[in-house]
N, C-alpha and C. Protein backbone atom coordinates (compact mmCIF):
# COMPACT_ATOMS: atom_id res chain seq x y z
N UNK A 1 35.74 17.71 30.20
CA UNK A 1 34.61 16.84 29.96
C UNK A 1 34.70 16.34 28.52
N UNK A 2 34.72 15.04 28.35
CA UNK A 2 34.79 14.45 27.03
C UNK A 2 33.47 13.78 26.69
N UNK A 3 33.11 13.91 25.42
CA UNK A 3 31.92 13.24 24.92
C UNK A 3 32.33 11.97 24.20
N UNK A 4 31.69 10.89 24.53
CA UNK A 4 31.99 9.63 23.86
C UNK A 4 30.79 9.21 23.04
N UNK A 5 31.06 8.65 21.91
CA UNK A 5 29.99 8.21 21.01
C UNK A 5 30.00 6.69 20.97
N UNK A 6 28.81 6.12 21.20
CA UNK A 6 28.71 4.67 21.13
C UNK A 6 28.61 4.27 19.67
N UNK A 7 29.51 3.45 19.22
CA UNK A 7 29.50 3.04 17.82
C UNK A 7 28.98 1.63 17.63
N UNK A 8 28.89 0.86 18.69
CA UNK A 8 28.39 -0.51 18.55
C UNK A 8 26.99 -0.59 19.14
N UNK A 9 26.19 -1.45 18.54
CA UNK A 9 24.83 -1.64 19.02
C UNK A 9 24.76 -2.93 19.81
N UNK A 10 24.08 -2.87 20.94
CA UNK A 10 23.95 -4.07 21.76
C UNK A 10 22.92 -5.03 21.17
N UNK A 11 21.87 -4.48 20.60
CA UNK A 11 20.81 -5.30 20.03
C UNK A 11 20.61 -4.93 18.57
N UNK A 12 20.13 -5.89 17.79
CA UNK A 12 19.88 -5.60 16.37
C UNK A 12 18.71 -4.63 16.26
N UNK A 13 17.61 -4.94 16.92
CA UNK A 13 16.45 -4.05 16.93
C UNK A 13 16.29 -3.50 18.34
N UNK A 14 16.25 -2.21 18.44
CA UNK A 14 15.99 -1.63 19.75
C UNK A 14 14.48 -1.63 20.00
N UNK A 15 14.10 -1.36 21.20
CA UNK A 15 12.67 -1.36 21.56
C UNK A 15 11.93 -0.27 20.78
N UNK A 16 12.58 0.87 20.58
CA UNK A 16 11.92 1.96 19.84
C UNK A 16 11.67 1.58 18.39
N UNK A 17 12.58 0.83 17.79
CA UNK A 17 12.39 0.39 16.40
C UNK A 17 11.22 -0.57 16.31
N UNK A 18 11.10 -1.48 17.26
CA UNK A 18 9.98 -2.42 17.26
C UNK A 18 8.67 -1.69 17.46
N UNK A 19 8.64 -0.69 18.36
CA UNK A 19 7.42 0.09 18.58
C UNK A 19 7.03 0.85 17.32
N UNK A 20 8.00 1.42 16.62
CA UNK A 20 7.71 2.14 15.38
C UNK A 20 7.15 1.21 14.31
N UNK A 21 7.67 -0.01 14.21
CA UNK A 21 7.17 -0.98 13.23
C UNK A 21 5.75 -1.38 13.57
N UNK A 22 5.45 -1.60 14.85
CA UNK A 22 4.10 -1.97 15.26
C UNK A 22 3.12 -0.84 14.97
N UNK A 23 3.51 0.41 15.24
CA UNK A 23 2.64 1.55 14.96
C UNK A 23 2.40 1.67 13.46
N UNK A 24 3.42 1.48 12.64
CA UNK A 24 3.26 1.57 11.19
C UNK A 24 2.30 0.49 10.68
N UNK A 25 2.44 -0.73 11.18
CA UNK A 25 1.53 -1.81 10.77
C UNK A 25 0.11 -1.50 11.21
N UNK A 26 -0.07 -0.96 12.42
CA UNK A 26 -1.39 -0.59 12.91
C UNK A 26 -2.03 0.47 12.03
N UNK A 27 -1.26 1.47 11.62
CA UNK A 27 -1.79 2.54 10.77
C UNK A 27 -2.19 1.98 9.41
N UNK A 28 -1.40 1.09 8.85
CA UNK A 28 -1.73 0.50 7.54
C UNK A 28 -2.99 -0.34 7.63
N UNK A 29 -3.11 -1.16 8.67
CA UNK A 29 -4.31 -2.00 8.83
C UNK A 29 -5.54 -1.13 9.08
N UNK A 30 -5.41 -0.11 9.92
CA UNK A 30 -6.53 0.79 10.20
C UNK A 30 -6.94 1.54 8.93
N UNK A 31 -5.98 1.98 8.13
CA UNK A 31 -6.30 2.66 6.87
C UNK A 31 -7.02 1.75 5.90
N UNK A 32 -6.58 0.49 5.83
CA UNK A 32 -7.24 -0.48 4.95
C UNK A 32 -8.67 -0.72 5.39
N UNK A 33 -8.87 -0.86 6.70
CA UNK A 33 -10.23 -1.07 7.21
C UNK A 33 -11.11 0.14 6.96
N UNK A 34 -10.56 1.34 7.07
CA UNK A 34 -11.32 2.56 6.84
C UNK A 34 -11.71 2.69 5.37
N UNK A 35 -10.80 2.38 4.46
CA UNK A 35 -11.10 2.44 3.03
C UNK A 35 -12.11 1.37 2.66
N UNK A 36 -12.05 0.22 3.32
CA UNK A 36 -12.97 -0.88 3.04
C UNK A 36 -14.40 -0.53 3.43
N UNK A 37 -14.59 0.39 4.36
CA UNK A 37 -15.92 0.76 4.82
C UNK A 37 -16.64 1.69 3.84
N UNK A 38 -15.94 2.31 2.93
CA UNK A 38 -16.55 3.23 1.97
C UNK A 38 -17.33 2.42 0.94
N UNK A 39 -18.60 2.76 0.80
CA UNK A 39 -19.46 2.07 -0.17
C UNK A 39 -19.57 2.92 -1.43
N UNK A 40 -18.90 2.50 -2.47
CA UNK A 40 -18.99 3.19 -3.74
C UNK A 40 -20.08 2.52 -4.58
N UNK A 41 -20.92 3.31 -5.24
CA UNK A 41 -21.98 2.70 -6.03
C UNK A 41 -21.42 2.02 -7.27
N UNK A 42 -22.01 0.89 -7.59
CA UNK A 42 -21.60 0.16 -8.79
C UNK A 42 -22.20 0.85 -10.02
N UNK A 43 -21.50 0.85 -11.13
CA UNK A 43 -22.06 1.48 -12.33
C UNK A 43 -23.26 0.69 -12.84
N UNK A 44 -24.32 1.42 -13.20
CA UNK A 44 -25.54 0.76 -13.68
C UNK A 44 -25.64 0.82 -15.20
N UNK A 45 -24.97 1.77 -15.81
CA UNK A 45 -25.01 1.90 -17.26
C UNK A 45 -24.03 0.92 -17.89
N UNK A 46 -24.53 0.13 -18.83
CA UNK A 46 -23.67 -0.84 -19.49
C UNK A 46 -22.96 -0.16 -20.66
N UNK A 47 -21.67 -0.30 -20.71
CA UNK A 47 -20.87 0.35 -21.75
C UNK A 47 -20.64 -0.66 -22.86
N UNK A 48 -21.04 -0.25 -24.06
CA UNK A 48 -20.86 -1.13 -25.22
C UNK A 48 -20.38 -0.28 -26.38
N UNK A 49 -19.29 -0.70 -26.98
CA UNK A 49 -18.75 0.02 -28.12
C UNK A 49 -18.56 -0.97 -29.25
N UNK A 50 -19.10 -0.64 -30.40
CA UNK A 50 -19.00 -1.51 -31.56
C UNK A 50 -17.75 -1.10 -32.35
N UNK A 51 -16.86 -2.05 -32.55
CA UNK A 51 -15.64 -1.80 -33.30
C UNK A 51 -15.81 -2.30 -34.73
N UNK A 52 -15.46 -1.47 -35.70
CA UNK A 52 -15.55 -1.94 -37.08
C UNK A 52 -14.47 -2.99 -37.37
N UNK A 53 -14.70 -3.81 -38.39
CA UNK A 53 -13.78 -4.90 -38.72
C UNK A 53 -12.43 -4.40 -39.23
N UNK A 54 -12.35 -3.17 -39.70
CA UNK A 54 -11.10 -2.67 -40.26
C UNK A 54 -10.04 -2.45 -39.17
N UNK A 55 -10.44 -2.37 -37.93
CA UNK A 55 -9.48 -2.16 -36.84
C UNK A 55 -8.80 -3.44 -36.39
N UNK A 56 -9.32 -4.57 -36.79
CA UNK A 56 -8.75 -5.84 -36.38
C UNK A 56 -7.65 -6.27 -37.34
N UNK A 57 -6.59 -6.82 -36.81
CA UNK A 57 -5.51 -7.35 -37.62
C UNK A 57 -5.41 -8.85 -37.34
N UNK A 58 -5.22 -9.60 -38.38
CA UNK A 58 -5.08 -11.04 -38.20
C UNK A 58 -3.60 -11.37 -38.04
N UNK A 59 -3.31 -12.16 -37.02
CA UNK A 59 -1.92 -12.55 -36.75
C UNK A 59 -1.81 -14.03 -37.03
N UNK A 60 -0.83 -14.37 -37.87
CA UNK A 60 -0.65 -15.79 -38.24
C UNK A 60 0.62 -16.32 -37.66
């Protein structure tokens, strides 16, 4: 009994490769939609920092 190995491909993309790509795209889209549903509160405190003039450099 001899084992033969197929070295040439009949098609560029096999059906399993296309199914894997579709599943990956579905997971990415579903993950994006799930993350989009999370409501994070917007910051209410206004951040203000006064910088002294000595930190600025003039560029000519």
